[in-house]
């Protein structure tokens, strides 16, 4: 399966990137998946409403982001909690890319949402990303699904090192792996159903 993991924090070496590396490390243990991480440190998407983004004029970062997302069967979005919501960067990206020119980003995908905190937060950014992305999927009349199980990465800097290696409490490792396993199962079932429907057309 092709999987994109999007770290939506603009900060260098963020806790969000640590979690994304952790997910990549877990997924690569089986050797069954093609995994790509996109880091928002170089984020340069135009503000929605100020200009139209066009596929033929994308910057290097924009090409990397759109390519990783577009080629993936499963996309993880991880956001830090800023003032009880997701980063403006990822919400802007959903709006800016949510039109006909980038329609493929919202079609036949499985999405999974993660909220990241260095304390005991993370739920609200995951819920807010879900709300906006669901609306874009609906507005563009596409068929994709957001996995119902989200993950709250608590005390991320105490549980993961800079390379995404687990160094903390066993409950963190167990629950994070359960989230990843659940998400993979949803994605496998979704895409198996999609292939079955294509075969019967």
Protein backbone atom coordinates (compact mmCIF):
# COMPACT_ATOMS: atom_id res chain seq x y z
CA UNK A 1 0.00 0.00 0.00
CA UNK A 2 1.19 3.52 -0.76
CA UNK A 3 1.03 5.67 2.37
CA UNK A 4 1.68 9.39 2.87
CA UNK A 5 2.30 10.81 6.34
CA UNK A 6 1.88 14.58 6.53
CA UNK A 7 3.49 16.53 9.38
CA UNK A 8 1.55 19.80 9.37
CA UNK A 9 3.69 21.71 11.86
CA UNK A 10 5.82 24.48 10.29
CA UNK A 11 8.38 24.19 13.09
CA UNK A 12 11.73 22.51 12.46
CA UNK A 13 12.16 19.14 14.22
CA UNK A 14 8.66 19.38 15.69
CA UNK A 15 6.94 16.89 17.97
CA UNK A 16 4.51 16.32 15.10
CA UNK A 17 7.38 15.22 12.87
CA UNK A 18 8.54 12.88 15.64
CA UNK A 19 5.14 11.19 15.60
CA UNK A 20 5.14 10.96 11.81
CA UNK A 21 8.55 9.28 11.91
CA UNK A 22 7.21 6.87 14.52
CA UNK A 23 4.33 5.91 12.21
CA UNK A 24 6.79 5.43 9.35
CA UNK A 25 9.02 3.25 11.52
CA UNK A 26 6.11 1.03 12.55
CA UNK A 27 4.83 0.70 8.98
CA UNK A 28 8.27 -0.21 7.68
CA UNK A 29 8.64 -3.07 10.15
CA UNK A 30 6.68 -5.34 7.80
CA UNK A 31 8.28 -4.14 4.57
CA UNK A 32 4.86 -4.24 2.90
CA UNK A 33 4.24 -0.53 2.40
CA UNK A 34 5.69 2.35 0.40
CA UNK A 35 5.85 5.22 2.88
CA UNK A 36 6.51 8.92 2.28
CA UNK A 37 6.72 11.70 4.89
CA UNK A 38 6.01 15.34 4.00
CA UNK A 39 7.20 17.97 6.49
CA UNK A 40 5.54 21.39 6.51
CA UNK A 41 8.74 23.19 7.57
CA UNK A 42 9.04 24.50 3.98
CA UNK A 43 5.28 25.14 3.58
CA UNK A 44 4.52 27.79 0.96
CA UNK A 45 0.94 27.25 -0.19
CA UNK A 46 -0.89 30.41 -1.17
CA UNK A 47 -3.60 31.66 1.14
CA UNK A 48 -7.00 30.55 -0.08
CA UNK A 49 -8.83 33.43 -1.76
CA UNK A 50 -5.66 35.38 -2.56
CA UNK A 51 -4.77 33.42 -5.72
CA UNK A 52 -5.61 30.17 -7.48
CA UNK A 53 -3.14 27.30 -7.26
CA UNK A 54 -2.45 25.63 -10.59
CA UNK A 55 -0.88 22.17 -11.13
CA UNK A 56 1.50 23.55 -13.76
CA UNK A 57 2.97 26.29 -11.53
CA UNK A 58 3.65 24.42 -8.28
CA UNK A 59 6.76 25.12 -6.24
CA UNK A 60 9.12 22.31 -5.23
CA UNK A 61 7.42 21.89 -1.85
CA UNK A 62 3.94 22.03 -3.38
CA UNK A 63 4.90 19.36 -5.93
CA UNK A 64 6.25 17.13 -3.18
CA UNK A 65 3.11 17.57 -1.09
CA UNK A 66 0.62 17.09 -3.92
CA UNK A 67 2.53 14.12 -5.36
CA UNK A 68 2.82 12.28 -2.04
CA UNK A 69 -0.86 12.87 -1.23
CA UNK A 70 -2.10 12.13 -4.75
CA UNK A 71 -0.20 8.85 -5.12
CA UNK A 72 -1.19 7.51 -1.71
CA UNK A 73 -3.92 5.02 -0.90
CA UNK A 74 -3.80 6.07 2.76
CA UNK A 75 -2.93 9.52 4.11
CA UNK A 76 -2.15 10.32 7.74
CA UNK A 77 -2.51 13.99 8.71
CA UNK A 78 -0.83 14.93 12.00
CA UNK A 79 -1.27 18.39 13.51
CA UNK A 80 -0.04 19.99 16.71
CA UNK A 81 -2.66 21.66 18.87
CA UNK A 82 -2.48 25.43 18.44
CA UNK A 83 -5.00 27.28 20.64
CA UNK A 84 -7.31 24.24 20.66
CA UNK A 85 -7.36 23.77 16.90
CA UNK A 86 -5.28 22.49 13.97
CA UNK A 87 -2.53 24.48 12.31
CA UNK A 88 -3.68 27.17 9.86
CA UNK A 89 -1.36 25.60 7.30
CA UNK A 90 -3.29 22.34 6.96
CA UNK A 91 -6.72 23.99 7.07
CA UNK A 92 -5.57 26.39 4.36
CA UNK A 93 -4.27 23.44 2.33
CA UNK A 94 -7.65 21.69 2.44
CA UNK A 95 -9.36 24.86 1.22
CA UNK A 96 -6.73 25.84 -1.36
CA UNK A 97 -6.58 22.38 -2.94
CA UNK A 98 -10.27 21.58 -2.64
CA UNK A 99 -11.24 22.42 -6.22
CA UNK A 100 -11.40 20.76 -9.67
CA UNK A 101 -7.68 21.19 -10.44
CA UNK A 102 -6.70 18.93 -7.53
CA UNK A 103 -9.78 16.74 -7.41
CA UNK A 104 -7.71 13.53 -7.39
CA UNK A 105 -6.42 14.35 -3.90
CA UNK A 106 -9.87 13.71 -2.46
CA UNK A 107 -10.93 10.69 -4.52
CA UNK A 108 -10.67 7.05 -3.41
CA UNK A 109 -8.51 7.77 -0.38
CA UNK A 110 -8.53 6.70 3.23
CA UNK A 111 -7.51 9.46 5.65
CA UNK A 112 -6.46 9.22 9.30
CA UNK A 113 -6.20 12.12 11.76
CA UNK A 114 -3.73 12.68 14.59
CA UNK A 115 -3.49 15.49 17.13
CA UNK A 116 -0.10 16.03 18.76
CA UNK A 117 0.72 17.64 22.10
CA UNK A 118 3.61 17.88 24.54
CA UNK A 119 0.97 17.75 27.28
CA UNK A 120 -2.45 16.13 27.44
CA UNK A 121 -4.05 17.52 24.27
CA UNK A 122 -4.54 16.68 20.64
CA UNK A 123 -8.18 15.73 20.24
CA UNK A 124 -9.50 19.05 18.93
CA UNK A 125 -7.08 19.47 15.99
CA UNK A 126 -7.87 15.94 14.84
CA UNK A 127 -11.60 16.66 15.02
CA UNK A 128 -11.24 20.02 13.24
CA UNK A 129 -9.24 18.47 10.39
CA UNK A 130 -11.92 15.79 10.10
CA UNK A 131 -14.69 18.38 9.84
CA UNK A 132 -13.04 20.44 7.11
CA UNK A 133 -11.78 17.48 5.08
CA UNK A 134 -15.17 15.75 5.21
CA UNK A 135 -16.78 18.92 3.87
CA UNK A 136 -14.29 19.14 0.99
CA UNK A 137 -14.85 15.47 0.08
CA UNK A 138 -18.58 16.10 0.04
CA UNK A 139 -18.32 19.40 -1.87
CA UNK A 140 -16.14 17.84 -4.57
CA UNK A 141 -18.54 14.87 -4.83
CA UNK A 142 -15.75 12.37 -4.24
CA UNK A 143 -15.71 8.97 -2.60
CA UNK A 144 -13.19 8.80 0.23
CA UNK A 145 -13.39 7.95 3.90
CA UNK A 146 -11.86 9.32 7.08
CA UNK A 147 -11.11 6.54 9.52
CA UNK A 148 -13.33 6.89 12.61
CA UNK A 149 -10.46 6.23 15.03
CA UNK A 150 -8.28 9.28 15.64
CA UNK A 151 -5.18 9.42 17.81
CA UNK A 152 -4.16 11.87 20.52
CA UNK A 153 -0.39 11.85 20.95
CA UNK A 154 0.09 12.95 24.56
CA UNK A 155 3.46 14.01 26.00
CA UNK A 156 5.00 13.31 22.62
CA UNK A 157 8.48 14.59 23.48
CA UNK A 158 8.62 12.26 26.49
CA UNK A 159 7.58 9.19 24.50
CA UNK A 160 9.42 9.62 21.18
CA UNK A 161 12.93 10.76 20.34
CA UNK A 162 13.83 12.97 17.37
CA UNK A 163 14.01 9.94 15.06
CA UNK A 164 10.56 8.71 16.04
CA UNK A 165 11.89 5.88 18.18
CA UNK A 166 9.74 4.94 21.17
CA UNK A 167 11.41 5.80 24.48
CA UNK A 168 8.48 6.30 26.87
CA UNK A 169 5.57 4.61 28.60
CA UNK A 170 4.42 1.26 27.23
CA UNK A 171 0.80 2.49 27.08
CA UNK A 172 1.83 5.06 24.47
CA UNK A 173 3.48 2.47 22.26
CA UNK A 174 0.60 0.04 22.61
CA UNK A 175 -2.17 2.55 21.86
CA UNK A 176 -0.29 4.20 18.98
CA UNK A 177 0.33 0.83 17.35
CA UNK A 178 -3.33 -0.11 17.85
CA UNK A 179 -4.33 3.10 16.06
CA UNK A 180 -2.00 2.32 13.15
CA UNK A 181 -3.24 -1.27 12.90
CA UNK A 182 -6.87 -0.14 12.96
CA UNK A 183 -6.21 2.46 10.26
CA UNK A 184 -4.49 -0.09 8.04
CA UNK A 185 -7.44 -2.46 8.40
CA UNK A 186 -9.90 0.27 7.40
CA UNK A 187 -7.75 1.16 4.39
CA UNK A 188 -7.37 -2.45 3.29
CA UNK A 189 -11.10 -3.07 3.51
CA UNK A 190 -11.95 0.18 1.71
CA UNK A 191 -9.61 -0.50 -1.19
CA UNK A 192 -10.59 -4.17 -1.41
CA UNK A 193 -14.22 -3.07 -1.76
CA UNK A 194 -13.27 -0.48 -4.38
CA UNK A 195 -11.43 -3.13 -6.44
CA UNK A 196 -14.40 -5.48 -6.13
CA UNK A 197 -16.76 -2.80 -7.40
CA UNK A 198 -14.48 -2.06 -10.36
CA UNK A 199 -14.32 -5.75 -11.24
CA UNK A 200 -18.13 -5.96 -11.28
CA UNK A 201 -18.65 -2.94 -13.54
